[in-house]
């Protein structure tokens, strides 16, 4: 299975668990501990893909482009 897909699935599951937590502090800690690590892995691999895929084939704005849109 694609590493991005598996991390997205893992992140979705982690979010479902975290979103059931009523206490906002505990929810934030759960997001930090379980959701953010998945996002970091996804981001790493997407950044690599953005460098490899031609702009003509990439239908979305690339992350670096989003940072500098005025």
PDB file of N, CA and C in Angstrom:
ATOM      1  N   UNK A   1       0.853  -1.185   0.000  1.00  0.00           N
ATOM      2  CA  UNK A   1       0.000   0.000   0.000  1.00  0.00           C
ATOM      3  C   UNK A   1       0.896   1.245   0.000  1.00  0.00           C
ATOM      4  N   UNK A   2       0.434   2.266  -0.629  1.00  0.00           N
ATOM      5  CA  UNK A   2       1.154   3.534  -0.695  1.00  0.00           C
ATOM      6  C   UNK A   2       1.322   4.113   0.712  1.00  0.00           C
ATOM      7  N   UNK A   3       2.518   4.591   1.003  1.00  0.00           N
ATOM      8  CA  UNK A   3       2.801   5.122   2.336  1.00  0.00           C
ATOM      9  C   UNK A   3       1.927   6.329   2.652  1.00  0.00           C
ATOM     10  N   UNK A   4       1.638   7.157   1.640  1.00  0.00           N
ATOM     11  CA  UNK A   4       0.791   8.330   1.871  1.00  0.00           C
ATOM     12  C   UNK A   4      -0.617   7.881   2.242  1.00  0.00           C
ATOM     13  N   UNK A   5      -1.161   6.949   1.495  1.00  0.00           N
ATOM     14  CA  UNK A   5      -2.517   6.445   1.769  1.00  0.00           C
ATOM     15  C   UNK A   5      -2.601   5.818   3.147  1.00  0.00           C
ATOM     16  N   UNK A   6      -1.616   5.027   3.517  1.00  0.00           N
ATOM     17  CA  UNK A   6      -1.661   4.378   4.829  1.00  0.00           C
ATOM     18  C   UNK A   6      -1.557   5.404   5.952  1.00  0.00           C
ATOM     19  N   UNK A   7      -0.751   6.443   5.757  1.00  0.00           N
ATOM     20  CA  UNK A   7      -0.643   7.495   6.779  1.00  0.00           C
ATOM     21  C   UNK A   7      -1.919   8.328   6.861  1.00  0.00           C
ATOM     22  N   UNK A   8      -2.547   8.578   5.714  1.00  0.00           N
ATOM     23  CA  UNK A   8      -3.820   9.309   5.727  1.00  0.00           C
ATOM     24  C   UNK A   8      -4.873   8.492   6.473  1.00  0.00           C
ATOM     25  N   UNK A   9      -4.942   7.209   6.203  1.00  0.00           N
ATOM     26  CA  UNK A   9      -5.892   6.347   6.911  1.00  0.00           C
ATOM     27  C   UNK A   9      -5.621   6.356   8.409  1.00  0.00           C
ATOM     28  N   UNK A  10      -4.355   6.267   8.773  1.00  0.00           N
ATOM     29  CA  UNK A  10      -3.962   6.293  10.183  1.00  0.00           C
ATOM     30  C   UNK A  10      -4.349   7.630  10.819  1.00  0.00           C
ATOM     31  N   UNK A  11      -4.131   8.725  10.091  1.00  0.00           N
ATOM     32  CA  UNK A  11      -4.456  10.048  10.605  1.00  0.00           C
ATOM     33  C   UNK A  11      -5.970  10.205  10.787  1.00  0.00           C
ATOM     34  N   UNK A  12      -6.743   9.719   9.834  1.00  0.00           N
ATOM     35  CA  UNK A  12      -8.203   9.804   9.937  1.00  0.00           C
ATOM     36  C   UNK A  12      -8.686   9.053  11.172  1.00  0.00           C
ATOM     37  N   UNK A  13      -8.152   7.870  11.389  1.00  0.00           N
ATOM     38  CA  UNK A  13      -8.525   7.095  12.575  1.00  0.00           C
ATOM     39  C   UNK A  13      -8.127   7.821  13.857  1.00  0.00           C
ATOM     40  N   UNK A  14      -6.944   8.405  13.868  1.00  0.00           N
ATOM     41  CA  UNK A  14      -6.477   9.140  15.049  1.00  0.00           C
ATOM     42  C   UNK A  14      -7.361  10.354  15.315  1.00  0.00           C
ATOM     43  N   UNK A  15      -7.790  11.028  14.258  1.00  0.00           N
ATOM     44  CA  UNK A  15      -8.678  12.183  14.412  1.00  0.00           C
ATOM     45  C   UNK A  15     -10.030  11.764  14.965  1.00  0.00           C
ATOM     46  N   UNK A  16     -10.549  10.642  14.501  1.00  0.00           N
ATOM     47  CA  UNK A  16     -11.843  10.159  14.999  1.00  0.00           C
ATOM     48  C   UNK A  16     -11.789   9.925  16.503  1.00  0.00           C
ATOM     49  N   UNK A  17     -10.692   9.343  16.955  1.00  0.00           N
ATOM     50  CA  UNK A  17     -10.518   9.098  18.390  1.00  0.00           C
ATOM     51  C   UNK A  17     -10.367  10.420  19.135  1.00  0.00           C
ATOM     52  N   UNK A  18      -9.515  11.295  18.622  1.00  0.00           N
ATOM     53  CA  UNK A  18      -9.249  12.574  19.287  1.00  0.00           C
ATOM     54  C   UNK A  18     -10.495  13.444  19.352  1.00  0.00           C
ATOM     55  N   UNK A  19     -11.303  13.428  18.313  1.00  0.00           N
ATOM     56  CA  UNK A  19     -12.487  14.284  18.276  1.00  0.00           C
ATOM     57  C   UNK A  19     -13.561  13.877  19.273  1.00  0.00           C
ATOM     58  N   UNK A  20     -13.469  12.688  19.810  1.00  0.00           N
ATOM     59  CA  UNK A  20     -14.423  12.241  20.828  1.00  0.00           C
ATOM     60  C   UNK A  20     -14.058  12.756  22.220  1.00  0.00           C
ATOM     61  N   UNK A  21     -12.860  13.288  22.367  1.00  0.00           N
ATOM     62  CA  UNK A  21     -12.408  13.792  23.663  1.00  0.00           C
ATOM     63  C   UNK A  21     -13.060  15.146  23.919  1.00  0.00           C
ATOM     64  N   UNK A  22     -13.702  15.286  25.061  1.00  0.00           N
ATOM     65  CA  UNK A  22     -14.425  16.515  25.396  1.00  0.00           C
ATOM     66  C   UNK A  22     -13.473  17.591  25.904  1.00  0.00           C
ATOM     67  N   UNK A  23     -12.560  17.216  26.761  1.00  0.00           N
ATOM     68  CA  UNK A  23     -11.621  18.175  27.336  1.00  0.00           C
ATOM     69  C   UNK A  23     -10.682  18.689  26.246  1.00  0.00           C
ATOM     70  N   UNK A  24     -10.707  20.013  26.039  1.00  0.00           N
ATOM     71  CA  UNK A  24      -9.934  20.609  24.940  1.00  0.00           C
ATOM     72  C   UNK A  24      -8.430  20.409  25.097  1.00  0.00           C
ATOM     73  N   UNK A  25      -7.939  20.492  26.320  1.00  0.00           N
ATOM     74  CA  UNK A  25      -6.499  20.292  26.548  1.00  0.00           C
ATOM     75  C   UNK A  25      -6.097  18.861  26.196  1.00  0.00           C
ATOM     76  N   UNK A  26      -6.883  17.909  26.675  1.00  0.00           N
ATOM     77  CA  UNK A  26      -6.592  16.504  26.371  1.00  0.00           C
ATOM     78  C   UNK A  26      -6.711  16.226  24.869  1.00  0.00           C
ATOM     79  N   UNK A  27      -7.689  16.866  24.228  1.00  0.00           N
ATOM     80  CA  UNK A  27      -7.851  16.703  22.780  1.00  0.00           C
ATOM     81  C   UNK A  27      -6.629  17.254  22.047  1.00  0.00           C
ATOM     82  N   UNK A  28      -6.159  18.425  22.473  1.00  0.00           N
ATOM     83  CA  UNK A  28      -4.978  19.033  21.841  1.00  0.00           C
ATOM     84  C   UNK A  28      -3.752  18.143  22.016  1.00  0.00           C
ATOM     85  N   UNK A  29      -3.597  17.585  23.191  1.00  0.00           N
ATOM     86  CA  UNK A  29      -2.466  16.688  23.451  1.00  0.00           C
ATOM     87  C   UNK A  29      -2.566  15.451  22.564  1.00  0.00           C
ATOM     88  N   UNK A  30      -3.758  14.902  22.419  1.00  0.00           N
ATOM     89  CA  UNK A  30      -3.950  13.718  21.574  1.00  0.00           C
ATOM     90  C   UNK A  30      -3.633  14.042  20.115  1.00  0.00           C
ATOM     91  N   UNK A  31      -4.091  15.217  19.652  1.00  0.00           N
ATOM     92  CA  UNK A  31      -3.759  15.633  18.282  1.00  0.00           C
ATOM     93  C   UNK A  31      -2.249  15.742  18.112  1.00  0.00           C
ATOM     94  N   UNK A  32      -1.609  16.358  19.087  1.00  0.00           N
ATOM     95  CA  UNK A  32      -0.148  16.522  19.018  1.00  0.00           C
ATOM     96  C   UNK A  32       0.557  15.173  18.971  1.00  0.00           C
ATOM     97  N   UNK A  33       0.092  14.259  19.785  1.00  0.00           N
ATOM     98  CA  UNK A  33       0.772  12.970  19.924  1.00  0.00           C
ATOM     99  C   UNK A  33       0.437  11.967  18.816  1.00  0.00           C
ATOM    100  N   UNK A  34      -0.751  12.075  18.208  1.00  0.00           N
ATOM    101  CA  UNK A  34      -1.152  11.042  17.251  1.00  0.00           C
ATOM    102  C   UNK A  34      -1.427  11.556  15.837  1.00  0.00           C
ATOM    103  N   UNK A  35      -2.004  12.745  15.721  1.00  0.00           N
ATOM    104  CA  UNK A  35      -2.361  13.263  14.394  1.00  0.00           C
ATOM    105  C   UNK A  35      -1.178  13.956  13.731  1.00  0.00           C
ATOM    106  N   UNK A  36      -0.507  14.821  14.464  1.00  0.00           N
ATOM    107  CA  UNK A  36       0.598  15.588  13.881  1.00  0.00           C
ATOM    108  C   UNK A  36       1.719  14.702  13.330  1.00  0.00           C
ATOM    109  N   UNK A  37       2.119  13.636  14.008  1.00  0.00           N
ATOM    110  CA  UNK A  37       3.155  12.774  13.414  1.00  0.00           C
ATOM    111  C   UNK A  37       2.741  12.205  12.048  1.00  0.00           C
ATOM    112  N   UNK A  38       1.476  11.870  11.893  1.00  0.00           N
ATOM    113  CA  UNK A  38       0.992  11.395  10.584  1.00  0.00           C
ATOM    114  C   UNK A  38       1.088  12.512   9.557  1.00  0.00           C
ATOM    115  N   UNK A  39       0.687  13.712   9.952  1.00  0.00           N
ATOM    116  CA  UNK A  39       0.756  14.851   9.038  1.00  0.00           C
ATOM    117  C   UNK A  39       2.191  15.118   8.605  1.00  0.00           C
ATOM    118  N   UNK A  40       3.126  14.969   9.524  1.00  0.00           N
ATOM    119  CA  UNK A  40       4.538  15.193   9.193  1.00  0.00           C
ATOM    120  C   UNK A  40       5.029  14.203   8.137  1.00  0.00           C
ATOM    121  N   UNK A  41       4.647  12.943   8.288  1.00  0.00           N
ATOM    122  CA  UNK A  41       5.050  11.918   7.317  1.00  0.00           C
ATOM    123  C   UNK A  41       4.402  12.199   5.961  1.00  0.00           C
ATOM    124  N   UNK A  42       3.114  12.525   5.976  1.00  0.00           N
ATOM    125  CA  UNK A  42       2.404  12.838   4.733  1.00  0.00           C
ATOM    126  C   UNK A  42       3.059  14.029   4.050  1.00  0.00           C
ATOM    127  N   UNK A  43       3.318  15.059   4.816  1.00  0.00           N
ATOM    128  CA  UNK A  43       3.926  16.281   4.259  1.00  0.00           C
ATOM    129  C   UNK A  43       5.281  15.978   3.617  1.00  0.00           C
ATOM    130  N   UNK A  44       6.098  15.193   4.289  1.00  0.00           N
ATOM    131  CA  UNK A  44       7.418  14.841   3.762  1.00  0.00           C
ATOM    132  C   UNK A  44       7.294  14.199   2.378  1.00  0.00           C
ATOM    133  N   UNK A  45       6.414  13.211   2.273  1.00  0.00           N
ATOM    134  CA  UNK A  45       6.278  12.477   1.014  1.00  0.00           C
ATOM    135  C   UNK A  45       5.609  13.316  -0.079  1.00  0.00           C
ATOM    136  N   UNK A  46       4.656  14.142   0.291  1.00  0.00           N
ATOM    137  CA  UNK A  46       4.023  15.022  -0.696  1.00  0.00           C
ATOM    138  C   UNK A  46       5.031  16.045  -1.207  1.00  0.00           C
ATOM    139  N   UNK A  47       5.858  16.583  -0.316  1.00  0.00           N
ATOM    140  CA  UNK A  47       6.903  17.520  -0.754  1.00  0.00           C
ATOM    141  C   UNK A  47       7.820  16.869  -1.785  1.00  0.00           C
ATOM    142  N   UNK A  48       8.183  15.620  -1.562  1.00  0.00           N
ATOM    143  CA  UNK A  48       9.030  14.901  -2.517  1.00  0.00           C
ATOM    144  C   UNK A  48       8.304  14.707  -3.851  1.00  0.00           C
ATOM    145  N   UNK A  49       7.026  14.366  -3.781  1.00  0.00           N
ATOM    146  CA  UNK A  49       6.245  14.194  -5.005  1.00  0.00           C
ATOM    147  C   UNK A  49       6.140  15.495  -5.791  1.00  0.00           C
ATOM    148  N   UNK A  50       5.946  16.599  -5.084  1.00  0.00           N
ATOM    149  CA  UNK A  50       5.839  17.898  -5.756  1.00  0.00           C
ATOM    150  C   UNK A  50       7.099  18.220  -6.553  1.00  0.00           C
ATOM    151  N   UNK A  51       8.235  17.779  -6.061  1.00  0.00           N
ATOM    152  CA  UNK A  51       9.487  18.028  -6.771  1.00  0.00           C
ATOM    153  C   UNK A  51       9.641  17.134  -8.001  1.00  0.00           C
ATOM    154  N   UNK A  52       9.011  15.973  -7.967  1.00  0.00           N
ATOM    155  CA  UNK A  52       9.168  15.000  -9.042  1.00  0.00           C
ATOM    156  C   UNK A  52       8.140  15.162 -10.164  1.00  0.00           C
ATOM    157  N   UNK A  53       6.942  15.598  -9.805  1.00  0.00           N
ATOM    158  CA  UNK A  53       5.850  15.663 -10.780  1.00  0.00           C
ATOM    159  C   UNK A  53       5.871  17.011 -11.493  1.00  0.00           C
ATOM    160  N   UNK A  54       5.763  16.970 -12.801  1.00  0.00           N
ATOM    161  CA  UNK A  54       5.749  18.182 -13.611  1.00  0.00           C
ATOM    162  C   UNK A  54       4.553  19.066 -13.245  1.00  0.00           C
ATOM    163  N   UNK A  55       4.750  20.371 -13.280  1.00  0.00           N
ATOM    164  CA  UNK A  55       3.690  21.322 -12.938  1.00  0.00           C
ATOM    165  C   UNK A  55       2.427  21.113 -13.773  1.00  0.00           C
ATOM    166  N   UNK A  56       2.597  20.727 -15.011  1.00  0.00           N
ATOM    167  CA  UNK A  56       1.446  20.512 -15.899  1.00  0.00           C
ATOM    168  C   UNK A  56       0.576  19.342 -15.432  1.00  0.00           C
ATOM    169  N   UNK A  57       1.175  18.409 -14.721  1.00  0.00           N
ATOM    170  CA  UNK A  57       0.441  17.228 -14.262  1.00  0.00           C
ATOM    171  C   UNK A  57      -0.077  17.372 -12.833  1.00  0.00           C
ATOM    172  N   UNK A  58       0.379  18.402 -12.116  1.00  0.00           N
ATOM    173  CA  UNK A  58      -0.004  18.595 -10.713  1.00  0.00           C
ATOM    174  C   UNK A  58      -1.160  19.593 -10.680  1.00  0.00           C
ATOM    175  N   UNK A  59      -2.397  19.134 -10.435  1.00  0.00           N
ATOM    176  CA  UNK A  59      -3.563  20.014 -10.564  1.00  0.00           C
ATOM    177  C   UNK A  59      -3.748  21.022  -9.422  1.00  0.00           C
ATOM    178  N   UNK A  60      -3.077  20.814  -8.326  1.00  0.00           N
ATOM    179  CA  UNK A  60      -3.256  21.680  -7.157  1.00  0.00           C
ATOM    180  C   UNK A  60      -2.074  22.622  -6.994  1.00  0.00           C
ATOM    181  N   UNK A  61      -2.285  23.742  -6.286  1.00  0.00           N
ATOM    182  CA  UNK A  61      -1.123  24.587  -5.981  1.00  0.00           C
ATOM    183  C   UNK A  61      -0.147  23.801  -5.108  1.00  0.00           C
ATOM    184  N   UNK A  62       1.108  23.946  -5.376  1.00  0.00           N
ATOM    185  CA  UNK A  62       2.120  23.283  -4.556  1.00  0.00           C
ATOM    186  C   UNK A  62       2.286  24.066  -3.257  1.00  0.00           C
ATOM    187  N   UNK A  63       2.735  23.382  -2.226  1.00  0.00           N
ATOM    188  CA  UNK A  63       2.825  24.003  -0.906  1.00  0.00           C
ATOM    189  C   UNK A  63       3.649  25.284  -0.948  1.00  0.00           C
ATOM    190  N   UNK A  64       4.785  25.238  -1.612  1.00  0.00           N
ATOM    191  CA  UNK A  64       5.642  26.426  -1.667  1.00  0.00           C
ATOM    192  C   UNK A  64       4.943  27.576  -2.389  1.00  0.00           C
ATOM    193  N   UNK A  65       4.057  27.253  -3.328  1.00  0.00           N
ATOM    194  CA  UNK A  65       3.290  28.289  -4.015  1.00  0.00           C
ATOM    195  C   UNK A  65       2.250  28.904  -3.085  1.00  0.00           C
ATOM    196  N   UNK A  66       1.638  28.085  -2.254  1.00  0.00           N
ATOM    197  CA  UNK A  66       0.655  28.599  -1.297  1.00  0.00           C
ATOM    198  C   UNK A  66       1.287  29.581  -0.319  1.00  0.00           C
ATOM    199  N   UNK A  67       2.528  29.328   0.034  1.00  0.00           N
ATOM    200  CA  UNK A  67       3.205  30.206   0.991  1.00  0.00           C
ATOM    201  C   UNK A  67       3.414  31.610   0.450  1.00  0.00           C
ATOM    202  N   UNK A  68       3.533  31.723  -0.864  1.00  0.00           N
ATOM    203  CA  UNK A  68       3.900  33.012  -1.446  1.00  0.00           C
ATOM    204  C   UNK A  68       2.810  33.639  -2.311  1.00  0.00           C
ATOM    205  N   UNK A  69       1.586  33.125  -2.212  1.00  0.00           N
ATOM    206  CA  UNK A  69       0.469  33.741  -2.934  1.00  0.00           C
ATOM    207  C   UNK A  69       0.121  35.050  -2.242  1.00  0.00           C
ATOM    208  N   UNK A  70      -0.043  36.077  -3.047  1.00  0.00           N
ATOM    209  CA  UNK A  70      -0.364  37.399  -2.460  1.00  0.00           C
ATOM    210  C   UNK A  70      -1.820  37.710  -2.616  1.00  0.00           C
TER     211      UNK A  70
END
